C-alpha cells in the first residue's frame, strides 16, 4: 500500500471523527472542515518520510486543532477583528455535558437539524460525517457539483447564523429529533440500494456509508429500538446487494437471484439487530426483510407473514408505497387479482404520480392475469417514468414479451 493510499484510508476512517471533534470545540463547521483538510495535506507531505503515527486519528485532530487556532490568531491581528476573534477562540474548559459523549453523534444531529432542508441534511451528513467529497455526493444523487456545493455552503452558513448547537438534544427532545436522523440515514441507503436515476442500479459507496451510519447511530443510541430496527433493515437488505445486479449490470429480480451470493454475515448481523428492534416502522420493515433473508428459496417465502407485516406497517406508517408492496405480497397468497384490487385503491394517489413503481407493479399483475394489452399499456406508462438504465432495459424486455404474446393471441 502506498503512502497516498494510507492517507486516503486514514481520511475515510478518521476525517469524520476529527471534524466532529473540531466542530464541537470551535463551533464553526467551515473552519473545522478547512483545518481537517489542512491536517491531511500535511499528513500526505510528512507521513511518507516520518512514518504513519501510532494513532492517526489523534494526530489529525491535534494538528487540525492547531491549524484552526493559528487561523483564529491571524484573524485576531486584523483591524477590527480583535474582539470578535477572541470570542471565537475555544475555551480551555471541558465541553458542555451531554448524555451521549460522542462528537460524531453530535455532528450527525447537527447535520439533521429540522431547521435545515432535507436535501441539505443529506448533503451535510455525507460530507461532514462520512467524509465524501462534493463531486462524490453530486455524482451519487445525479445533480451538478455547483448545486451540491451551494447546498453545503448555505447549510453551514445557516448552522452558524441560527446558532444550531453541536450537541445531542436533551432527553425531552430526542423523540422528535431521532426520527429525522434515522430518516436521513435511510434516505442515503435507499438511494444507494435502489438508485432513482442514472446508469447504475446500485451505488455501492452510498450503501456502505449508510450501513456505517446506521451502525454508528445504533451503537451510540443503544436505547433507541428504532435505531436497531434501521440497522437490521439496512443490513438485511444490503445482504442481497451483489445478487441484485447481473453480470452486465442488469436488474435481477428477487425471485431469480442466486441466494448463494447473499452476504451471510450481513444477514446474521441484521437478525441480531432485529432482536433489539421494536414494532415501529423500521422494525416492521426489517422483519419483512428477515422473512425474505431466511427463506431458502423463492417458493419457501412466507408470504402470509409478509402480507400481515405490511398490514401492520400500513397501520403504523401508512403510505401509498406500503400499500403497493402489500398488494404484491397479497398477490402471492391470494392471487394476482386480489393484489390488483388492492393496488387500485392507491392508483390515484399523487405521491405515486412521478414514480414508475405503480404502473410497473400494475403491469406485472396484469401480465400474470393474462391481460396482455393492458399490461403492455402499463409497461409503457412505467417506461415513461423510470429513471435508471437497468430498470428501463428490464421493462423494455417485459413490454416486448407481452406485446408479442398479445399479437399472437389476437392473430
Protein backbone atom coordinates (compact mmCIF):
# COMPACT_ATOMS: atom_id res chain seq x y z
CA UNK A 1 0.00 0.00 0.00
CA UNK A 2 1.41 3.41 -1.00
CA UNK A 3 1.68 6.34 1.41
CA UNK A 4 -1.06 8.13 -0.53
CA UNK A 5 -3.35 5.12 -0.08
CA UNK A 6 -2.55 5.05 3.65
CA UNK A 7 -3.53 8.70 3.96
CA UNK A 8 -6.68 8.11 1.90
CA UNK A 9 -7.70 5.20 4.13
CA UNK A 10 -6.99 7.29 7.23
CA UNK A 11 -9.08 10.10 5.78
CA UNK A 12 -12.09 7.82 5.31
CA UNK A 13 -11.66 6.33 8.78
CA UNK A 14 -10.73 9.42 10.78
CA UNK A 15 -11.94 12.55 8.97
CA UNK A 16 -15.49 12.33 10.31
CA UNK A 17 -14.37 11.88 13.90
CA UNK A 18 -11.74 14.64 13.67
CA UNK A 19 -14.19 17.04 12.05
CA UNK A 20 -16.85 16.30 14.65
CA UNK A 21 -14.44 16.98 17.49
CA UNK A 22 -13.20 20.22 15.92
CA UNK A 23 -16.73 21.39 15.14
CA UNK A 24 -17.72 20.90 18.76
CA UNK A 25 -14.63 22.71 20.04
CA UNK A 26 -14.76 25.58 17.55
CA UNK A 27 -18.48 25.93 16.89
CA UNK A 28 -17.70 26.60 13.21
CA UNK A 29 -18.23 23.92 10.56
CA UNK A 30 -16.32 25.67 7.79
CA UNK A 31 -13.29 26.41 9.98
CA UNK A 32 -13.26 22.84 11.30
CA UNK A 33 -13.53 21.41 7.79
CA UNK A 34 -10.69 23.58 6.45
CA UNK A 35 -8.48 22.68 9.40
CA UNK A 36 -9.01 18.93 8.94
CA UNK A 37 -8.27 19.26 5.22
CA UNK A 38 -5.04 21.10 6.05
CA UNK A 39 -4.06 18.38 8.50
CA UNK A 40 -4.47 15.68 5.86
CA UNK A 41 -2.45 17.71 3.35
CA UNK A 42 0.32 17.86 5.95
CA UNK A 43 -0.05 14.12 6.58
CA UNK A 44 0.39 13.42 2.88
CA UNK A 45 3.56 15.51 2.91
CA UNK A 46 5.13 14.14 6.13
CA UNK A 47 3.96 10.58 6.76
CA UNK A 48 5.92 9.04 3.86
CA UNK A 49 9.18 10.28 5.37
CA UNK A 50 8.40 10.05 9.09
CA UNK A 51 6.04 7.08 9.09
CA UNK A 52 2.37 6.78 10.00
CA UNK A 53 1.69 7.83 13.61
CA UNK A 54 0.62 5.19 16.07
CA UNK A 55 -2.75 6.94 16.39
CA UNK A 56 -3.52 8.61 13.03
CA UNK A 57 -6.84 9.99 14.24
CA UNK A 58 -5.32 11.69 17.28
CA UNK A 59 -2.53 13.12 15.11
CA UNK A 60 -5.02 14.54 12.61
CA UNK A 61 -7.25 16.01 15.31
CA UNK A 62 -4.33 17.64 17.14
CA UNK A 63 -2.78 19.12 14.01
CA UNK A 64 -6.16 20.33 12.77
CA UNK A 65 -6.87 21.98 16.12
CA UNK A 66 -3.53 23.79 16.00
CA UNK A 67 -4.21 24.92 12.42
CA UNK A 68 -7.62 26.28 13.43
CA UNK A 69 -6.12 28.18 16.38
CA UNK A 70 -3.44 29.63 14.11
CA UNK A 71 -6.18 30.83 11.74
CA UNK A 72 -8.12 32.47 14.58
CA UNK A 73 -4.97 34.20 15.88
CA UNK A 74 -4.18 35.53 12.41
CA UNK A 75 -7.72 36.82 12.16
CA UNK A 76 -7.33 38.46 15.57
CA UNK A 77 -4.47 40.60 14.21
CA UNK A 78 -6.68 42.09 11.51
CA UNK A 79 -8.04 45.59 12.29
CA UNK A 80 -11.43 45.47 13.92
CA UNK A 81 -11.27 41.71 14.46
CA UNK A 82 -9.59 41.53 17.87
CA UNK A 83 -12.71 41.33 19.98
CA UNK A 84 -14.61 39.03 17.62
CA UNK A 85 -11.66 36.64 17.22
CA UNK A 86 -11.15 36.43 20.96
CA UNK A 87 -14.78 35.40 21.29
CA UNK A 88 -14.18 32.72 18.62
CA UNK A 89 -11.25 31.12 20.46
CA UNK A 90 -12.31 27.86 22.14
CA UNK A 91 -12.11 27.99 25.87
CA UNK A 92 -9.81 25.74 27.90
CA UNK A 93 -12.56 24.16 29.93
CA UNK A 94 -14.30 20.84 29.27
CA UNK A 95 -17.06 20.66 26.67
CA UNK A 96 -20.66 21.04 27.82
CA UNK A 97 -22.10 17.93 29.38
CA UNK A 98 -24.13 15.69 27.08
CA UNK A 99 -25.92 12.39 27.82
CA UNK A 100 -24.11 10.83 24.85
CA UNK A 101 -20.47 11.90 24.77
CA UNK A 102 -19.65 11.21 21.14
CA UNK A 103 -18.73 14.02 18.84
CA UNK A 104 -19.82 12.24 15.67
CA UNK A 105 -23.29 11.76 17.07
CA UNK A 106 -23.39 15.45 17.98
CA UNK A 107 -22.42 16.30 14.42
CA UNK A 108 -24.99 13.89 12.99
CA UNK A 109 -27.75 15.60 14.99
CA UNK A 110 -26.44 18.98 13.86
CA UNK A 111 -26.49 17.92 10.20
CA UNK A 112 -30.05 16.61 10.62
CA UNK A 113 -31.43 19.61 12.48
CA UNK A 114 -35.08 20.27 11.50
CA UNK A 115 -34.21 23.88 10.58
CA UNK A 116 -32.30 22.55 7.55
CA UNK A 117 -33.95 21.37 4.35
CA UNK A 118 -33.94 17.57 3.84
CA UNK A 119 -31.57 17.74 0.85
CA UNK A 120 -29.19 19.90 2.89
CA UNK A 121 -29.27 17.40 5.76
CA UNK A 122 -28.28 14.55 3.46
CA UNK A 123 -25.51 16.55 1.79
CA UNK A 124 -24.09 17.73 5.13
CA UNK A 125 -24.21 14.23 6.60
CA UNK A 126 -22.38 12.69 3.64
CA UNK A 127 -19.82 15.50 3.54
CA UNK A 128 -19.11 16.01 7.22
CA UNK A 129 -19.92 12.72 8.94
CA UNK A 130 -18.97 10.32 6.13
CA UNK A 131 -16.18 12.38 4.58
CA UNK A 132 -17.45 12.16 0.98
CA UNK A 133 -16.18 14.88 -1.32
CA UNK A 134 -18.60 17.26 -3.03
CA UNK A 135 -18.18 15.65 -6.51
CA UNK A 136 -18.91 12.22 -4.99
CA UNK A 137 -22.16 13.47 -3.44
CA UNK A 138 -23.15 15.16 -6.69
CA UNK A 139 -22.44 12.00 -8.67
CA UNK A 140 -24.38 9.85 -6.22
CA UNK A 141 -27.51 11.98 -6.45
CA UNK A 142 -27.05 12.97 -10.11
CA UNK A 143 -27.06 16.70 -9.50
CA UNK A 144 -24.46 19.25 -10.66
CA UNK A 145 -21.42 19.75 -8.44
CA UNK A 146 -22.16 23.51 -8.05
CA UNK A 147 -25.65 22.63 -6.77
CA UNK A 148 -24.25 20.43 -4.02
CA UNK A 149 -21.56 22.98 -3.23
CA UNK A 150 -24.20 25.71 -2.84
CA UNK A 151 -26.30 23.48 -0.59
CA UNK A 152 -23.31 22.82 1.63
CA UNK A 153 -22.29 26.47 1.84
CA UNK A 154 -25.84 27.60 2.63
CA UNK A 155 -26.39 24.82 5.16
CA UNK A 156 -23.16 25.58 7.02
CA UNK A 157 -24.00 29.27 6.99
CA UNK A 158 -27.44 28.53 8.41
CA UNK A 159 -25.96 26.37 11.16
CA UNK A 160 -23.77 29.27 12.18
CA UNK A 161 -26.30 32.05 11.72
CA UNK A 162 -29.09 30.21 13.51
CA UNK A 163 -26.80 29.12 16.31
CA UNK A 164 -27.68 25.46 15.84
CA UNK A 165 -25.83 23.76 18.71
CA UNK A 166 -23.28 20.97 18.27
CA UNK A 167 -24.90 18.59 20.67
CA UNK A 168 -27.20 15.67 21.07
CA UNK A 169 -30.58 17.17 22.02
CA UNK A 170 -31.70 16.90 25.64
CA UNK A 171 -33.71 13.83 26.53
CA UNK A 172 -37.07 15.57 26.18
CA UNK A 173 -36.31 16.47 22.53
CA UNK A 174 -34.90 13.12 21.44
CA UNK A 175 -38.26 11.56 20.49
CA UNK A 176 -38.92 14.32 17.94
CA UNK A 177 -35.34 14.53 16.62
CA UNK A 178 -34.24 10.89 16.33
CA UNK A 179 -36.73 10.11 13.52
CA UNK A 180 -35.11 12.83 11.38
CA UNK A 181 -31.66 11.33 11.89
CA UNK A 182 -32.90 7.82 11.07
CA UNK A 183 -34.78 9.09 8.01
CA UNK A 184 -31.64 10.80 6.71
CA UNK A 185 -29.59 7.61 7.10
CA UNK A 186 -32.28 5.53 5.39
CA UNK A 187 -32.56 8.02 2.54
CA UNK A 188 -28.83 7.63 1.91
CA UNK A 189 -29.24 3.85 1.89
CA UNK A 190 -32.27 3.73 -0.39
CA UNK A 191 -30.59 5.98 -2.94
CA UNK A 192 -27.60 3.66 -2.85
CA UNK A 193 -29.52 0.37 -2.91
CA UNK A 194 -32.15 1.40 -5.46
CA UNK A 195 -30.93 4.47 -7.29
CA UNK A 196 -33.60 6.78 -8.65
CA UNK A 197 -31.76 7.64 -11.86
CA UNK A 198 -28.61 7.04 -13.86
CA UNK A 199 -26.77 4.13 -15.43
CA UNK A 200 -26.32 2.07 -12.27
CA UNK A 201 -28.95 0.23 -10.29
CA UNK A 202 -26.83 0.23 -7.11
CA UNK A 203 -24.42 2.86 -5.79
CA UNK A 204 -22.14 0.83 -3.57
CA UNK A 205 -20.46 3.77 -1.88
CA UNK A 206 -23.76 5.15 -0.59
CA UNK A 207 -24.82 1.70 0.64
CA UNK A 208 -21.56 1.31 2.55
CA UNK A 209 -21.78 4.76 4.12
CA UNK A 210 -25.42 4.25 5.13
CA UNK A 211 -24.62 0.93 6.79
CA UNK A 212 -21.74 2.60 8.64
CA UNK A 213 -24.01 5.45 9.75
CA UNK A 214 -26.71 3.02 10.88
CA UNK A 215 -24.15 1.07 12.93
CA UNK A 216 -22.86 4.30 14.48
CA UNK A 217 -26.33 5.50 15.36
CA UNK A 218 -27.37 2.17 16.90
CA UNK A 219 -24.15 1.96 18.92
CA UNK A 220 -24.44 5.49 20.23
CA UNK A 221 -28.19 5.38 20.91
CA UNK A 222 -28.43 1.89 22.42
CA UNK A 223 -31.81 2.59 23.99
CA UNK A 224 -33.46 3.61 20.71
CA UNK A 225 -35.22 0.49 19.43
CA UNK A 226 -35.94 2.05 16.04
CA UNK A 227 -32.21 2.73 15.56
CA UNK A 228 -31.67 -1.02 15.90
CA UNK A 229 -34.60 -1.59 13.56
CA UNK A 230 -32.98 0.64 10.95
CA UNK A 231 -29.66 -1.13 11.35
CA UNK A 232 -31.37 -4.50 10.94
CA UNK A 233 -33.22 -3.26 7.87
CA UNK A 234 -30.21 -1.90 6.01
CA UNK A 235 -28.08 -4.93 6.86
CA UNK A 236 -30.71 -7.42 5.71
CA UNK A 237 -31.49 -5.52 2.53
CA UNK A 238 -27.85 -4.87 1.76
CA UNK A 239 -27.09 -8.58 2.13
CA UNK A 240 -28.78 -9.03 -1.28
CA UNK A 241 -26.89 -6.22 -3.00
CA UNK A 242 -24.49 -8.34 -5.07
CA UNK A 243 -27.24 -10.66 -6.30
CA UNK A 244 -29.49 -7.79 -7.47
CA UNK A 245 -27.20 -6.98 -10.38
CA UNK A 246 -26.39 -9.36 -13.22
CA UNK A 247 -23.02 -9.72 -15.00
CA UNK A 248 -23.83 -6.87 -17.37
CA UNK A 249 -25.24 -4.60 -14.68
CA UNK A 250 -28.84 -5.61 -15.37
CA UNK A 251 -31.62 -5.92 -12.81
CA UNK A 252 -32.13 -9.37 -11.27
CA UNK A 253 -35.49 -9.81 -9.54
CA UNK A 254 -35.64 -11.29 -6.06
CA UNK A 255 -37.26 -14.48 -7.33
CA UNK A 256 -34.39 -15.02 -9.79
CA UNK A 257 -31.48 -14.16 -7.50
CA UNK A 258 -28.71 -16.63 -6.71
CA UNK A 259 -29.11 -16.80 -2.94
CA UNK A 260 -25.64 -18.24 -2.50
CA UNK A 261 -24.42 -14.73 -3.37
CA UNK A 262 -26.28 -13.20 -0.43
CA UNK A 263 -23.98 -11.99 2.34
CA UNK A 264 -24.43 -14.46 5.21
CA UNK A 265 -22.52 -12.27 7.69
CA UNK A 266 -24.76 -9.30 6.93
CA UNK A 267 -27.85 -11.48 7.38
CA UNK A 268 -26.62 -12.77 10.76
CA UNK A 269 -25.81 -9.24 11.95
CA UNK A 270 -29.18 -7.99 10.73
CA UNK A 271 -31.09 -10.74 12.51
CA UNK A 272 -29.14 -9.96 15.68
CA UNK A 273 -30.02 -6.26 15.44
CA UNK A 274 -33.65 -7.20 14.84
CA UNK A 275 -33.83 -8.80 18.30
CA UNK A 276 -33.35 -5.32 19.80
CA UNK A 277 -35.79 -3.57 17.48
CA UNK A 278 -39.37 -2.57 18.13
CA UNK A 279 -42.52 -2.90 16.05
CA UNK A 280 -42.07 0.61 14.72
CA UNK A 281 -41.76 1.39 11.00
CA UNK A 282 -38.11 0.34 10.67
CA UNK A 283 -38.52 -2.72 12.87
CA UNK A 284 -41.50 -3.91 10.81
CA UNK A 285 -39.65 -3.35 7.53
CA UNK A 286 -36.68 -5.22 8.98
CA UNK A 287 -38.97 -8.12 9.90
CA UNK A 288 -40.17 -8.22 6.29
CA UNK A 289 -36.57 -8.21 5.07
CA UNK A 290 -35.79 -11.00 7.54
CA UNK A 291 -38.60 -13.14 6.13
CA UNK A 292 -37.00 -12.85 2.70
CA UNK A 293 -33.45 -13.33 4.01
CA UNK A 294 -34.27 -16.55 5.87
CA UNK A 295 -36.26 -18.19 3.06
CA UNK A 296 -34.08 -20.86 1.41
CA UNK A 297 -35.69 -20.20 -1.96
CA UNK A 298 -38.46 -18.16 -3.58
CA UNK A 299 -41.06 -20.91 -3.25
CA UNK A 300 -40.44 -21.16 0.51
CA UNK A 301 -41.05 -17.46 1.19
CA UNK A 302 -43.57 -16.93 3.99
CA UNK A 303 -45.88 -14.62 2.03
CA UNK A 304 -48.77 -14.72 4.54
CA UNK A 305 -46.42 -13.39 7.23
CA UNK A 306 -45.04 -10.74 4.88
CA UNK A 307 -48.55 -9.62 3.92
CA UNK A 308 -49.50 -9.43 7.61
CA UNK A 309 -46.38 -7.39 8.39
CA UNK A 310 -47.22 -4.97 5.58
CA UNK A 311 -50.70 -4.66 7.06
CA UNK A 312 -49.17 -3.77 10.43
CA UNK A 313 -46.81 -1.32 8.74
CA UNK A 314 -49.75 0.33 6.98
CA UNK A 315 -51.34 0.97 10.36
CA UNK A 316 -48.15 2.35 11.94
CA UNK A 317 -46.80 4.33 8.98
CA UNK A 318 -49.44 4.49 6.23
CA UNK A 319 -48.20 5.40 2.76
CA UNK A 320 -49.06 4.50 -0.83
CA UNK A 321 -45.72 2.70 -1.24
CA UNK A 322 -46.54 0.46 1.72
CA UNK A 323 -49.92 -0.34 0.14
CA UNK A 324 -48.22 -1.06 -3.17
CA UNK A 325 -45.87 -3.54 -1.52
CA UNK A 326 -48.73 -5.07 0.44
CA UNK A 327 -50.58 -5.60 -2.84
CA UNK A 328 -47.59 -7.55 -4.17
CA UNK A 329 -47.47 -9.71 -1.05
CA UNK A 330 -51.22 -10.35 -1.16
CA UNK A 331 -50.94 -11.32 -4.82
CA UNK A 332 -48.54 -14.09 -3.80
CA UNK A 333 -51.01 -15.52 -1.28
CA UNK A 334 -54.43 -14.79 -2.78
CA UNK A 335 -53.63 -14.36 -6.45
CA UNK A 336 -52.87 -11.51 -8.81
CA UNK A 337 -56.50 -10.35 -8.95
CA UNK A 338 -56.56 -9.74 -5.19
CA UNK A 339 -53.31 -7.83 -5.41
CA UNK A 340 -54.62 -5.75 -8.31
CA UNK A 341 -57.74 -4.84 -6.34
CA UNK A 342 -55.57 -3.51 -3.50
CA UNK A 343 -53.39 -1.66 -5.94
CA UNK A 344 -56.35 0.17 -7.45
CA UNK A 345 -57.01 1.78 -4.06
CA UNK A 346 -53.84 3.87 -4.35
CA UNK A 347 -53.91 4.31 -8.14
CA UNK A 348 -54.93 7.96 -7.84
CA UNK A 349 -52.51 8.93 -5.07
CA UNK A 350 -50.47 11.91 -6.31
CA UNK A 351 -47.44 10.76 -4.31
CA UNK A 352 -47.01 7.91 -6.81
CA UNK A 353 -47.50 10.07 -9.89
CA UNK A 354 -43.81 10.72 -10.54
CA UNK A 355 -42.51 7.20 -9.97
CA UNK A 356 -42.62 4.15 -12.20
CA UNK A 357 -43.42 1.84 -9.27
CA UNK A 358 -47.21 1.93 -9.60
CA UNK A 359 -47.50 1.26 -13.37
CA UNK A 360 -44.67 -1.29 -13.25
CA UNK A 361 -46.36 -3.23 -10.44
CA UNK A 362 -49.74 -2.97 -12.14
CA UNK A 363 -48.19 -4.21 -15.39
CA UNK A 364 -46.76 -7.28 -13.71
CA UNK A 365 -50.08 -8.19 -12.06
CA UNK A 366 -51.92 -7.73 -15.37
CA UNK A 367 -49.30 -9.88 -17.10
CA UNK A 368 -49.84 -12.64 -14.56
CA UNK A 369 -53.58 -12.42 -15.17
CA UNK A 370 -53.07 -12.80 -18.93
CA UNK A 371 -54.43 -9.31 -19.65
CA UNK A 372 -51.63 -8.60 -22.10
CA UNK A 373 -52.84 -5.45 -23.92
CA UNK A 374 -53.48 -3.74 -20.57
CA UNK A 375 -50.14 -4.98 -19.28
CA UNK A 376 -48.39 -3.54 -22.34
CA UNK A 377 -50.02 -0.15 -21.77
CA UNK A 378 -48.93 -0.19 -18.13
CA UNK A 379 -45.36 -1.10 -19.09
CA UNK A 380 -45.30 1.85 -21.49
CA UNK A 381 -46.51 4.12 -18.69
CA UNK A 382 -43.74 2.81 -16.43
CA UNK A 383 -41.12 3.36 -19.12
CA UNK A 384 -42.13 7.00 -19.34
CA UNK A 385 -41.23 7.44 -15.66
CA UNK A 386 -38.36 5.03 -14.93
CA UNK A 387 -35.04 6.63 -14.00
CA UNK A 388 -32.25 4.03 -14.19
CA UNK A 389 -30.93 2.32 -17.30
CA UNK A 390 -31.07 -1.25 -15.85
CA UNK A 391 -34.73 -0.88 -14.85
CA UNK A 392 -35.53 0.64 -18.23
CA UNK A 393 -33.94 -2.31 -20.01
CA UNK A 394 -35.89 -4.76 -17.82
CA UNK A 395 -39.23 -3.03 -18.51
CA UNK A 396 -38.50 -2.93 -22.23
CA UNK A 397 -37.92 -6.69 -22.24
CA UNK A 398 -41.15 -7.28 -20.37
CA UNK A 399 -43.04 -4.98 -22.73
CA UNK A 400 -41.65 -6.79 -25.77
CA UNK A 401 -42.75 -10.15 -24.32
CA UNK A 402 -46.33 -9.14 -23.50
CA UNK A 403 -46.71 -7.24 -26.78
CA UNK A 404 -45.55 -10.32 -28.70
CA UNK A 405 -47.91 -12.56 -26.73
CA UNK A 406 -50.79 -10.12 -27.35
CA UNK A 407 -50.16 -10.19 -31.09
CA UNK A 408 -50.13 -13.99 -31.09
CA UNK A 409 -53.36 -14.11 -29.12
CA UNK A 410 -55.10 -11.66 -31.45
CA UNK A 411 -53.82 -13.42 -34.58
